[in-house]
PDB file of N, CA and C in Angstrom:
ATOM      1  N   MET A   1       0.824  -1.193   0.000  1.00  0.00           N
ATOM      2  CA  MET A   1       0.000   0.000   0.000  1.00  0.00           C
ATOM      3  C   MET A   1       0.865   1.253   0.000  1.00  0.00           C
ATOM      4  N   SER A   2       1.972   1.176   0.719  1.00  0.00           N
ATOM      5  CA  SER A   2       2.868   2.324   0.779  1.00  0.00           C
ATOM      6  C   SER A   2       3.445   2.640  -0.595  1.00  0.00           C
ATOM      7  N   ASN A   3       3.761   1.600  -1.370  1.00  0.00           N
ATOM      8  CA  ASN A   3       4.290   1.824  -2.716  1.00  0.00           C
ATOM      9  C   ASN A   3       3.246   2.458  -3.624  1.00  0.00           C
ATOM     10  N   ALA A   4       1.988   2.090  -3.458  1.00  0.00           N
ATOM     11  CA  ALA A   4       0.918   2.670  -4.273  1.00  0.00           C
ATOM     12  C   ALA A   4       0.765   4.155  -3.970  1.00  0.00           C
ATOM     13  N   ARG A   5       0.789   4.507  -2.695  1.00  0.00           N
ATOM     14  CA  ARG A   5       0.695   5.916  -2.304  1.00  0.00           C
ATOM     15  C   ARG A   5       1.896   6.696  -2.810  1.00  0.00           C
ATOM     16  N   SER A   6       3.061   6.099  -2.702  1.00  0.00           N
ATOM     17  CA  SER A   6       4.275   6.756  -3.159  1.00  0.00           C
ATOM     18  C   SER A   6       4.210   7.024  -4.657  1.00  0.00           C
ATOM     19  N   GLY A   7       3.710   6.053  -5.400  1.00  0.00           N
ATOM     20  CA  GLY A   7       3.563   6.222  -6.851  1.00  0.00           C
ATOM     21  C   GLY A   7       2.566   7.314  -7.186  1.00  0.00           C
ATOM     22  N   ILE A   8       1.464   7.361  -6.465  1.00  0.00           N
ATOM     23  CA  ILE A   8       0.447   8.397  -6.687  1.00  0.00           C
ATOM     24  C   ILE A   8       1.012   9.770  -6.342  1.00  0.00           C
ATOM     25  N   ASN A   9       1.734   9.877  -5.226  1.00  0.00           N
ATOM     26  CA  ASN A   9       2.327  11.148  -4.834  1.00  0.00           C
ATOM     27  C   ASN A   9       3.324  11.643  -5.880  1.00  0.00           C
ATOM     28  N   GLN A  10       4.129  10.737  -6.419  1.00  0.00           N
ATOM     29  CA  GLN A  10       5.084  11.141  -7.456  1.00  0.00           C
ATOM     30  C   GLN A  10       4.358  11.613  -8.708  1.00  0.00           C
ATOM     31  N   GLU A  11       3.256  10.919  -9.049  1.00  0.00           N
ATOM     32  CA  GLU A  11       2.482  11.300 -10.228  1.00  0.00           C
ATOM     33  C   GLU A  11       1.840  12.683 -10.020  1.00  0.00           C
ATOM     34  N   VAL A  12       1.297  12.910  -8.843  1.00  0.00           N
ATOM     35  CA  VAL A  12       0.688  14.207  -8.533  1.00  0.00           C
ATOM     36  C   VAL A  12       1.758  15.301  -8.580  1.00  0.00           C
ATOM     37  N   ASN A  13       2.930  15.034  -7.993  1.00  0.00           N
ATOM     38  CA  ASN A  13       4.021  16.013  -8.017  1.00  0.00           C
ATOM     39  C   ASN A  13       4.457  16.317  -9.445  1.00  0.00           C
ATOM     40  N   PHE A  14       4.544  15.280 -10.292  1.00  0.00           N
ATOM     41  CA  PHE A  14       4.940  15.472 -11.679  1.00  0.00           C
ATOM     42  C   PHE A  14       3.933  16.350 -12.408  1.00  0.00           C
ATOM     43  N   PHE A  15       2.649  16.059 -12.250  1.00  0.00           N
ATOM     44  CA  PHE A  15       1.632  16.846 -12.947  1.00  0.00           C
ATOM     45  C   PHE A  15       1.534  18.270 -12.390  1.00  0.00           C
ATOM     46  N   SER A  16       1.777  18.434 -11.108  1.00  0.00           N
ATOM     47  CA  SER A  16       1.798  19.783 -10.532  1.00  0.00           C
ATOM     48  C   SER A  16       2.957  20.587 -11.108  1.00  0.00           C
ATOM     49  N   LEU A  17       4.129  19.976 -11.204  1.00  0.00           N
ATOM     50  CA  LEU A  17       5.290  20.640 -11.775  1.00  0.00           C
ATOM     51  C   LEU A  17       5.064  20.950 -13.251  1.00  0.00           C
ATOM     52  N   LEU A  18       4.507  20.008 -13.985  1.00  0.00           N
ATOM     53  CA  LEU A  18       4.233  20.217 -15.404  1.00  0.00           C
ATOM     54  C   LEU A  18       3.246  21.365 -15.602  1.00  0.00           C
ATOM     55  N   SER A  19       2.197  21.396 -14.809  1.00  0.00           N
ATOM     56  CA  SER A  19       1.210  22.472 -14.887  1.00  0.00           C
ATOM     57  C   SER A  19       1.851  23.821 -14.572  1.00  0.00           C
ATOM     58  N   PHE A  20       2.703  23.853 -13.557  1.00  0.00           N
ATOM     59  CA  PHE A  20       3.398  25.084 -13.187  1.00  0.00           C
ATOM     60  C   PHE A  20       4.260  25.581 -14.341  1.00  0.00           C
ATOM     61  N   LEU A  21       5.020  24.690 -14.958  1.00  0.00           N
ATOM     62  CA  LEU A  21       5.916  25.083 -16.045  1.00  0.00           C
ATOM     63  C   LEU A  21       5.149  25.546 -17.276  1.00  0.00           C
ATOM     64  N   LEU A  22       4.038  24.911 -17.588  1.00  0.00           N
ATOM     65  CA  LEU A  22       3.259  25.282 -18.760  1.00  0.00           C
ATOM     66  C   LEU A  22       2.530  26.606 -18.579  1.00  0.00           C
ATOM     67  N   ASN A  23       2.254  26.995 -17.351  1.00  0.00           N
ATOM     68  CA  ASN A  23       1.508  28.223 -17.083  1.00  0.00           C
ATOM     69  C   ASN A  23       2.405  29.426 -16.805  1.00  0.00           C
ATOM     70  N   GLN A  24       3.728  29.280 -16.960  1.00  0.00           N
ATOM     71  CA  GLN A  24       4.638  30.407 -16.770  1.00  0.00           C
ATOM     72  C   GLN A  24       4.449  31.406 -17.907  1.00  0.00           C
ATOM     73  N   PRO A  25       4.481  32.703 -17.603  1.00  0.00           N
ATOM     74  CA  PRO A  25       4.364  33.687 -18.682  1.00  0.00           C
ATOM     75  C   PRO A  25       5.571  33.589 -19.606  1.00  0.00           C
ATOM     76  N   LYS A  26       5.295  33.714 -20.880  1.00  0.00           N
ATOM     77  CA  LYS A  26       6.370  33.642 -21.861  1.00  0.00           C
ATOM     78  C   LYS A  26       7.115  34.980 -21.867  1.00  0.00           C
ATOM     79  N   PRO A  27       8.447  34.942 -21.989  1.00  0.00           N
ATOM     80  CA  PRO A  27       9.201  36.196 -22.005  1.00  0.00           C
ATOM     81  C   PRO A  27       8.849  37.021 -23.244  1.00  0.00           C
ATOM     82  N   HIS A  28       8.837  38.335 -23.047  1.00  0.00           N
ATOM     83  CA  HIS A  28       8.509  39.267 -24.127  1.00  0.00           C
ATOM     84  C   HIS A  28       9.662  39.307 -25.120  1.00  0.00           C
ATOM     85  N   LYS A  29       9.371  39.043 -26.389  1.00  0.00           N
ATOM     86  CA  LYS A  29      10.384  39.155 -27.420  1.00  0.00           C
ATOM     87  C   LYS A  29      10.496  40.632 -27.789  1.00  0.00           C
ATOM     88  N   LYS A  30      11.650  41.204 -27.526  1.00  0.00           N
ATOM     89  CA  LYS A  30      11.845  42.634 -27.755  1.00  0.00           C
ATOM     90  C   LYS A  30      11.824  42.938 -29.247  1.00  0.00           C
ATOM     91  N   LYS A  31      11.153  44.048 -29.576  1.00  0.00           N
ATOM     92  CA  LYS A  31      11.035  44.477 -30.963  1.00  0.00           C
ATOM     93  C   LYS A  31      11.670  45.846 -31.124  1.00  0.00           C
ATOM     94  N   THR A  32      12.014  46.162 -32.362  1.00  0.00           N
ATOM     95  CA  THR A  32      12.533  47.484 -32.696  1.00  0.00           C
ATOM     96  C   THR A  32      11.563  48.154 -33.654  1.00  0.00           C
ATOM     97  N   TYR A  33      11.169  49.375 -33.310  1.00  0.00           N
ATOM     98  CA  TYR A  33      10.217  50.145 -34.115  1.00  0.00           C
ATOM     99  C   TYR A  33      10.949  51.332 -34.745  1.00  0.00           C
ATOM    100  N   ASP A  34      10.768  51.516 -36.032  1.00  0.00           N
ATOM    101  CA  ASP A  34      11.432  52.582 -36.769  1.00  0.00           C
ATOM    102  C   ASP A  34      10.476  53.767 -36.936  1.00  0.00           C
ATOM    103  N   TYR A  35      10.801  54.876 -36.284  1.00  0.00           N
ATOM    104  CA  TYR A  35       9.985  56.091 -36.353  1.00  0.00           C
ATOM    105  C   TYR A  35      10.668  57.172 -37.190  1.00  0.00           C
ATOM    106  N   THR A  36      11.652  56.808 -38.004  1.00  0.00           N
ATOM    107  CA  THR A  36      12.375  57.828 -38.777  1.00  0.00           C
ATOM    108  C   THR A  36      11.517  58.456 -39.868  1.00  0.00           C
ATOM    109  N   ASP A  37      10.458  57.777 -40.301  1.00  0.00           N
ATOM    110  CA  ASP A  37       9.550  58.367 -41.292  1.00  0.00           C
ATOM    111  C   ASP A  37       8.442  59.206 -40.652  1.00  0.00           C
ATOM    112  N   TYR A  38       8.386  59.203 -39.334  1.00  0.00           N
ATOM    113  CA  TYR A  38       7.386  59.994 -38.618  1.00  0.00           C
ATOM    114  C   TYR A  38       7.946  61.390 -38.346  1.00  0.00           C
ATOM    115  N   VAL A  39       7.059  62.346 -38.165  1.00  0.00           N
ATOM    116  CA  VAL A  39       7.472  63.725 -37.925  1.00  0.00           C
ATOM    117  C   VAL A  39       7.270  64.069 -36.445  1.00  0.00           C
ATOM    118  N   CYS A  40       8.385  64.466 -35.810  1.00  0.00           N
ATOM    119  CA  CYS A  40       8.324  64.873 -34.411  1.00  0.00           C
ATOM    120  C   CYS A  40       7.488  66.147 -34.304  1.00  0.00           C
ATOM    121  N   GLY A  41       6.558  66.167 -33.368  1.00  0.00           N
ATOM    122  CA  GLY A  41       5.668  67.309 -33.199  1.00  0.00           C
ATOM    123  C   GLY A  41       4.332  67.124 -33.891  1.00  0.00           C
ATOM    124  N   ARG A  42       4.290  66.224 -34.861  1.00  0.00           N
ATOM    125  CA  ARG A  42       3.032  65.919 -35.547  1.00  0.00           C
ATOM    126  C   ARG A  42       2.583  64.484 -35.235  1.00  0.00           C
ATOM    127  N   ASP A  43       3.481  63.520 -35.429  1.00  0.00           N
ATOM    128  CA  ASP A  43       3.143  62.107 -35.226  1.00  0.00           C
ATOM    129  C   ASP A  43       3.465  61.623 -33.815  1.00  0.00           C
ATOM    130  N   TYR A  44       4.394  62.293 -33.175  1.00  0.00           N
ATOM    131  CA  TYR A  44       4.790  61.964 -31.804  1.00  0.00           C
ATOM    132  C   TYR A  44       5.470  63.180 -31.203  1.00  0.00           C
ATOM    133  N   VAL A  45       5.652  63.142 -29.895  1.00  0.00           N
ATOM    134  CA  VAL A  45       6.374  64.199 -29.185  1.00  0.00           C
ATOM    135  C   VAL A  45       7.534  63.532 -28.462  1.00  0.00           C
ATOM    136  N   PHE A  46       8.713  64.101 -28.589  1.00  0.00           N
ATOM    137  CA  PHE A  46       9.889  63.607 -27.874  1.00  0.00           C
ATOM    138  C   PHE A  46      10.553  64.783 -27.181  1.00  0.00           C
ATOM    139  N   GLU A  47      10.693  64.692 -25.870  1.00  0.00           N
ATOM    140  CA  GLU A  47      11.289  65.758 -25.075  1.00  0.00           C
ATOM    141  C   GLU A  47      12.476  65.209 -24.302  1.00  0.00           C
ATOM    142  N   LEU A  48      13.659  65.760 -24.569  1.00  0.00           N
ATOM    143  CA  LEU A  48      14.849  65.350 -23.829  1.00  0.00           C
ATOM    144  C   LEU A  48      14.740  65.778 -22.374  1.00  0.00           C
ATOM    145  N   ILE A  49      15.334  65.011 -21.495  1.00  0.00           N
ATOM    146  CA  ILE A  49      15.379  65.351 -20.074  1.00  0.00           C
ATOM    147  C   ILE A  49      16.663  66.155 -19.856  1.00  0.00           C
ATOM    148  N   GLU A  50      16.533  67.357 -19.319  1.00  0.00           N
ATOM    149  CA  GLU A  50      17.662  68.282 -19.197  1.00  0.00           C
ATOM    150  C   GLU A  50      18.856  67.684 -18.473  1.00  0.00           C
ATOM    151  N   ASP A  51      18.633  67.064 -17.322  1.00  0.00           N
ATOM    152  CA  ASP A  51      19.759  66.545 -16.543  1.00  0.00           C
ATOM    153  C   ASP A  51      20.178  65.135 -16.968  1.00  0.00           C
ATOM    154  N   LYS A  52      19.504  64.565 -17.970  1.00  0.00           N
ATOM    155  CA  LYS A  52      19.866  63.252 -18.520  1.00  0.00           C
ATOM    156  C   LYS A  52      19.877  63.379 -20.045  1.00  0.00           C
ATOM    157  N   PRO A  53      20.983  63.812 -20.621  1.00  0.00           N
ATOM    158  CA  PRO A  53      21.004  64.110 -22.060  1.00  0.00           C
ATOM    159  C   PRO A  53      20.745  62.906 -22.971  1.00  0.00           C
ATOM    160  N   ASN A  54      20.884  61.708 -22.474  1.00  0.00           N
ATOM    161  CA  ASN A  54      20.634  60.514 -23.286  1.00  0.00           C
ATOM    162  C   ASN A  54      19.262  59.904 -23.032  1.00  0.00           C
ATOM    163  N   SER A  55      18.390  60.639 -22.360  1.00  0.00           N
ATOM    164  CA  SER A  55      17.056  60.144 -22.044  1.00  0.00           C
ATOM    165  C   SER A  55      16.005  61.182 -22.402  1.00  0.00           C
ATOM    166  N   GLY A  56      14.798  60.704 -22.648  1.00  0.00           N
ATOM    167  CA  GLY A  56      13.708  61.612 -22.952  1.00  0.00           C
ATOM    168  C   GLY A  56      12.371  60.917 -22.824  1.00  0.00           C
ATOM    169  N   TYR A  57      11.323  61.720 -22.852  1.00  0.00           N
ATOM    170  CA  TYR A  57       9.966  61.185 -22.802  1.00  0.00           C
ATOM    171  C   TYR A  57       9.350  61.272 -24.192  1.00  0.00           C
ATOM    172  N   MET A  58       8.745  60.194 -24.606  1.00  0.00           N
ATOM    173  CA  MET A  58       8.072  60.149 -25.899  1.00  0.00           C
ATOM    174  C   MET A  58       6.600  59.875 -25.664  1.00  0.00           C
ATOM    175  N   THR A  59       5.755  60.634 -26.348  1.00  0.00           N
ATOM    176  CA  THR A  59       4.315  60.415 -26.320  1.00  0.00           C
ATOM    177  C   THR A  59       3.882  60.144 -27.749  1.00  0.00           C
ATOM    178  N   CYS A  60       3.090  59.098 -27.928  1.00  0.00           N
ATOM    179  CA  CYS A  60       2.699  58.697 -29.275  1.00  0.00           C
ATOM    180  C   CYS A  60       1.397  57.903 -29.211  1.00  0.00           C
ATOM    181  N   GLN A  61       0.768  57.779 -30.346  1.00  0.00           N
ATOM    182  CA  GLN A  61      -0.439  56.979 -30.453  1.00  0.00           C
ATOM    183  C   GLN A  61      -0.178  55.849 -31.448  1.00  0.00           C
ATOM    184  N   SER A  62       0.110  54.673 -30.910  1.00  0.00           N
ATOM    185  CA  SER A  62       0.334  53.464 -31.701  1.00  0.00           C
ATOM    186  C   SER A  62       0.236  52.268 -30.757  1.00  0.00           C
ATOM    187  N   LYS A  63       0.017  51.112 -31.324  1.00  0.00           N
ATOM    188  CA  LYS A  63      -0.166  49.916 -30.505  1.00  0.00           C
ATOM    189  C   LYS A  63       1.100  49.071 -30.462  1.00  0.00           C
ATOM    190  N   GLY A  64       1.223  48.287 -29.416  1.00  0.00           N
ATOM    191  CA  GLY A  64       2.227  47.238 -29.369  1.00  0.00           C
ATOM    192  C   GLY A  64       3.524  47.544 -28.671  1.00  0.00           C
ATOM    193  N   ILE A  65       3.828  48.796 -28.382  1.00  0.00           N
ATOM    194  CA  ILE A  65       5.098  49.128 -27.741  1.00  0.00           C
ATOM    195  C   ILE A  65       5.078  48.600 -26.310  1.00  0.00           C
ATOM    196  N   LYS A  66       6.171  47.934 -25.931  1.00  0.00           N
ATOM    197  CA  LYS A  66       6.256  47.353 -24.592  1.00  0.00           C
ATOM    198  C   LYS A  66       7.612  47.683 -23.968  1.00  0.00           C
ATOM    199  N   LEU A  67       7.677  47.464 -22.678  1.00  0.00           N
ATOM    200  CA  LEU A  67       8.900  47.662 -21.917  1.00  0.00           C
ATOM    201  C   LEU A  67      10.029  46.844 -22.544  1.00  0.00           C
ATOM    202  N   GLY A  68      11.186  47.471 -22.749  1.00  0.00           N
ATOM    203  CA  GLY A  68      12.334  46.773 -23.315  1.00  0.00           C
ATOM    204  C   GLY A  68      12.444  46.871 -24.827  1.00  0.00           C
ATOM    205  N   ASP A  69      11.355  47.271 -25.488  1.00  0.00           N
ATOM    206  CA  ASP A  69      11.417  47.448 -26.939  1.00  0.00           C
ATOM    207  C   ASP A  69      12.344  48.605 -27.272  1.00  0.00           C
ATOM    208  N   ARG A  70      12.746  48.674 -28.535  1.00  0.00           N
ATOM    209  CA  ARG A  70      13.623  49.748 -28.982  1.00  0.00           C
ATOM    210  C   ARG A  70      12.929  50.575 -30.057  1.00  0.00           C
ATOM    211  N   ILE A  71      13.249  51.865 -30.070  1.00  0.00           N
ATOM    212  CA  ILE A  71      12.637  52.804 -31.006  1.00  0.00           C
ATOM    213  C   ILE A  71      13.747  53.596 -31.685  1.00  0.00           C
ATOM    214  N   ILE A  72      13.683  53.652 -33.007  1.00  0.00           N
ATOM    215  CA  ILE A  72      14.639  54.445 -33.784  1.00  0.00           C
ATOM    216  C   ILE A  72      13.984  55.790 -34.073  1.00  0.00           C
ATOM    217  N   LEU A  73      14.649  56.869 -33.643  1.00  0.00           N
ATOM    218  CA  LEU A  73      14.142  58.226 -33.849  1.00  0.00           C
ATOM    219  C   LEU A  73      15.160  59.043 -34.623  1.00  0.00           C
ATOM    220  N   GLN A  74      14.661  59.990 -35.395  1.00  0.00           N
ATOM    221  CA  GLN A  74      15.538  60.918 -36.100  1.00  0.00           C
ATOM    222  C   GLN A  74      15.341  62.306 -35.530  1.00  0.00           C
ATOM    223  N   ASN A  75      16.442  62.898 -35.061  1.00  0.00           N
ATOM    224  CA  ASN A  75      16.443  64.253 -34.525  1.00  0.00           C
ATOM    225  C   ASN A  75      17.318  65.089 -35.448  1.00  0.00           C
ATOM    226  N   ASP A  76      16.702  65.933 -36.261  1.00  0.00           N
ATOM    227  CA  ASP A  76      17.401  66.662 -37.324  1.00  0.00           C
ATOM    228  C   ASP A  76      18.045  65.636 -38.257  1.00  0.00           C
ATOM    229  N   SER A  77      19.367  65.640 -38.363  1.00  0.00           N
ATOM    230  CA  SER A  77      20.027  64.672 -39.246  1.00  0.00           C
ATOM    231  C   SER A  77      20.608  63.497 -38.470  1.00  0.00           C
ATOM    232  N   THR A  78      20.418  63.483 -37.153  1.00  0.00           N
ATOM    233  CA  THR A  78      20.959  62.424 -36.308  1.00  0.00           C
ATOM    234  C   THR A  78      19.904  61.356 -36.043  1.00  0.00           C
ATOM    235  N   ILE A  79      20.298  60.106 -36.228  1.00  0.00           N
ATOM    236  CA  ILE A  79      19.402  58.984 -35.938  1.00  0.00           C
ATOM    237  C   ILE A  79      19.893  58.319 -34.664  1.00  0.00           C
ATOM    238  N   GLY A  80      18.965  58.063 -33.735  1.00  0.00           N
ATOM    239  CA  GLY A  80      19.318  57.440 -32.468  1.00  0.00           C
ATOM    240  C   GLY A  80      18.449  56.239 -32.172  1.00  0.00           C
ATOM    241  N   LEU A  81      19.032  55.284 -31.492  1.00  0.00           N
ATOM    242  CA  LEU A  81      18.310  54.088 -31.055  1.00  0.00           C
ATOM    243  C   LEU A  81      18.071  54.212 -29.560  1.00  0.00           C
ATOM    244  N   TYR A  82      16.806  54.108 -29.161  1.00  0.00           N
ATOM    245  CA  TYR A  82      16.413  54.267 -27.767  1.00  0.00           C
ATOM    246  C   TYR A  82      15.715  53.007 -27.272  1.00  0.00           C
ATOM    247  N   GLU A  83      15.875  52.724 -25.978  1.00  0.00           N
ATOM    248  CA  GLU A  83      15.191  51.592 -25.362  1.00  0.00           C
ATOM    249  C   GLU A  83      14.108  52.108 -24.424  1.00  0.00           C
ATOM    250  N   VAL A  84      12.968  51.429 -24.427  1.00  0.00           N
ATOM    251  CA  VAL A  84      11.841  51.792 -23.564  1.00  0.00           C
ATOM    252  C   VAL A  84      12.146  51.321 -22.144  1.00  0.00           C
ATOM    253  N   GLU A  85      12.376  52.275 -21.239  1.00  0.00           N
ATOM    254  CA  GLU A  85      12.676  51.974 -19.834  1.00  0.00           C
ATOM    255  C   GLU A  85      11.405  51.880 -18.990  1.00  0.00           C
ATOM    256  N   GLU A  86      10.442  52.727 -19.306  1.00  0.00           N
ATOM    257  CA  GLU A  86       9.138  52.735 -18.630  1.00  0.00           C
ATOM    258  C   GLU A  86       8.108  53.089 -19.683  1.00  0.00           C
ATOM    259  N   ILE A  87       6.900  52.556 -19.538  1.00  0.00           N
ATOM    260  CA  ILE A  87       5.828  52.918 -20.470  1.00  0.00           C
ATOM    261  C   ILE A  87       4.496  52.856 -19.736  1.00  0.00           C
ATOM    262  N   GLU A  88       3.646  53.804 -20.076  1.00  0.00           N
ATOM    263  CA  GLU A  88       2.306  53.841 -19.498  1.00  0.00           C
ATOM    264  C   GLU A  88       1.311  54.190 -20.606  1.00  0.00           C
ATOM    265  N   TYR A  89       0.319  53.334 -20.756  1.00  0.00           N
ATOM    266  CA  TYR A  89      -0.730  53.583 -21.747  1.00  0.00           C
ATOM    267  C   TYR A  89      -1.841  54.414 -21.121  1.00  0.00           C
ATOM    268  N   TYR A  90      -2.377  55.332 -21.895  1.00  0.00           N
ATOM    269  CA  TYR A  90      -3.521  56.130 -21.463  1.00  0.00           C
ATOM    270  C   TYR A  90      -4.773  55.251 -21.503  1.00  0.00           C
ATOM    271  N   SER A  91      -5.780  55.616 -20.728  1.00  0.00           N
ATOM    272  CA  SER A  91      -7.037  54.869 -20.787  1.00  0.00           C
ATOM    273  C   SER A  91      -7.871  55.298 -21.991  1.00  0.00           C
ATOM    274  N   GLU A  92      -7.708  56.550 -22.407  1.00  0.00           N
ATOM    275  CA  GLU A  92      -8.466  57.052 -23.557  1.00  0.00           C
ATOM    276  C   GLU A  92      -7.624  58.047 -24.330  1.00  0.00           C
ATOM    277  N   PRO A  93      -7.277  57.849 -25.551  1.00  0.00           N
ATOM    278  CA  PRO A  93      -7.480  56.618 -26.320  1.00  0.00           C
ATOM    279  C   PRO A  93      -6.524  55.519 -25.839  1.00  0.00           C
ATOM    280  N   SER A  94      -6.956  54.299 -25.960  1.00  0.00           N
ATOM    281  CA  SER A  94      -6.234  53.167 -25.362  1.00  0.00           C
ATOM    282  C   SER A  94      -4.916  52.839 -26.058  1.00  0.00           C
ATOM    283  N   ASP A  95      -4.690  53.384 -27.252  1.00  0.00           N
ATOM    284  CA  ASP A  95      -3.430  53.104 -27.936  1.00  0.00           C
ATOM    285  C   ASP A  95      -2.430  54.262 -27.806  1.00  0.00           C
ATOM    286  N   MET A  96      -2.735  55.229 -26.948  1.00  0.00           N
ATOM    287  CA  MET A  96      -1.812  56.337 -26.713  1.00  0.00           C
ATOM    288  C   MET A  96      -0.982  56.020 -25.481  1.00  0.00           C
ATOM    289  N   TRP A  97       0.302  56.344 -25.558  1.00  0.00           N
ATOM    290  CA  TRP A  97       1.208  56.015 -24.468  1.00  0.00           C
ATOM    291  C   TRP A  97       2.271  57.099 -24.288  1.00  0.00           C
ATOM    292  N   MET A  98       2.900  57.063 -23.112  1.00  0.00           N
ATOM    293  CA  MET A  98       4.048  57.909 -22.829  1.00  0.00           C
ATOM    294  C   MET A  98       5.125  56.986 -22.263  1.00  0.00           C
ATOM    295  N   ALA A  99       6.363  57.136 -22.763  1.00  0.00           N
ATOM    296  CA  ALA A  99       7.441  56.247 -22.347  1.00  0.00           C
ATOM    297  C   ALA A  99       8.703  57.035 -22.031  1.00  0.00           C
ATOM    298  N   LEU A 100       9.445  56.510 -21.091  1.00  0.00           N
ATOM    299  CA  LEU A 100      10.783  57.007 -20.798  1.00  0.00           C
ATOM    300  C   LEU A 100      11.730  56.207 -21.684  1.00  0.00           C
ATOM    301  N   LEU A 101      12.479  56.916 -22.532  1.00  0.00           N
ATOM    302  CA  LEU A 101      13.423  56.273 -23.437  1.00  0.00           C
ATOM    303  C   LEU A 101      14.852  56.624 -23.032  1.00  0.00           C
ATOM    304  N   THR A 102      15.733  55.673 -23.154  1.00  0.00           N
ATOM    305  CA  THR A 102      17.157  55.904 -22.900  1.00  0.00           C
ATOM    306  C   THR A 102      17.926  55.492 -24.151  1.00  0.00           C
ATOM    307  N   LYS A 103      18.819  56.360 -24.577  1.00  0.00           N
ATOM    308  CA  LYS A 103      19.596  56.103 -25.791  1.00  0.00           C
ATOM    309  C   LYS A 103      20.507  54.894 -25.570  1.00  0.00           C
ATOM    310  N   VAL A 104      20.517  54.019 -26.569  1.00  0.00           N
ATOM    311  CA  VAL A 104      21.367  52.836 -26.531  1.00  0.00           C
ATOM    312  C   VAL A 104      22.732  53.245 -27.058  1.00  0.00           C
ATOM    313  N   LYS A 105      23.759  52.937 -26.311  1.00  0.00           N
ATOM    314  CA  LYS A 105      25.116  53.309 -26.727  1.00  0.00           C
ATOM    315  C   LYS A 105      25.550  52.438 -27.883  1.00  0.00           C
ATOM    316  N   SER A 106      26.131  53.082 -28.903  1.00  0.00           N
ATOM    317  CA  SER A 106      26.571  52.326 -30.076  1.00  0.00           C
ATOM    318  C   SER A 106      27.964  51.785 -29.909  1.00  0.00           C
TER     319      SER A 106
END
């Protein structure tokens, strides 16, 4: 009888572990979005942070941007790659967001 219980306990433990592993959130695959064809001030707003010259806040209306994603922006003739450090979506409209971006060092 002890062996039967032991076998059942191992089976329950295995299925509990399997269920736990299958229900883990999948890691976010980071994406890069190219905004060089967009016009700053019309399609989005980007404001540099005075005391952090490699960081700024971007406000835009588009879907899909997530924490860790990268955004390519053009400032005059300079193109920069920025990473999303923080992002918050507005409730209305639901696809509008504001993000803290930090320039990725080349």
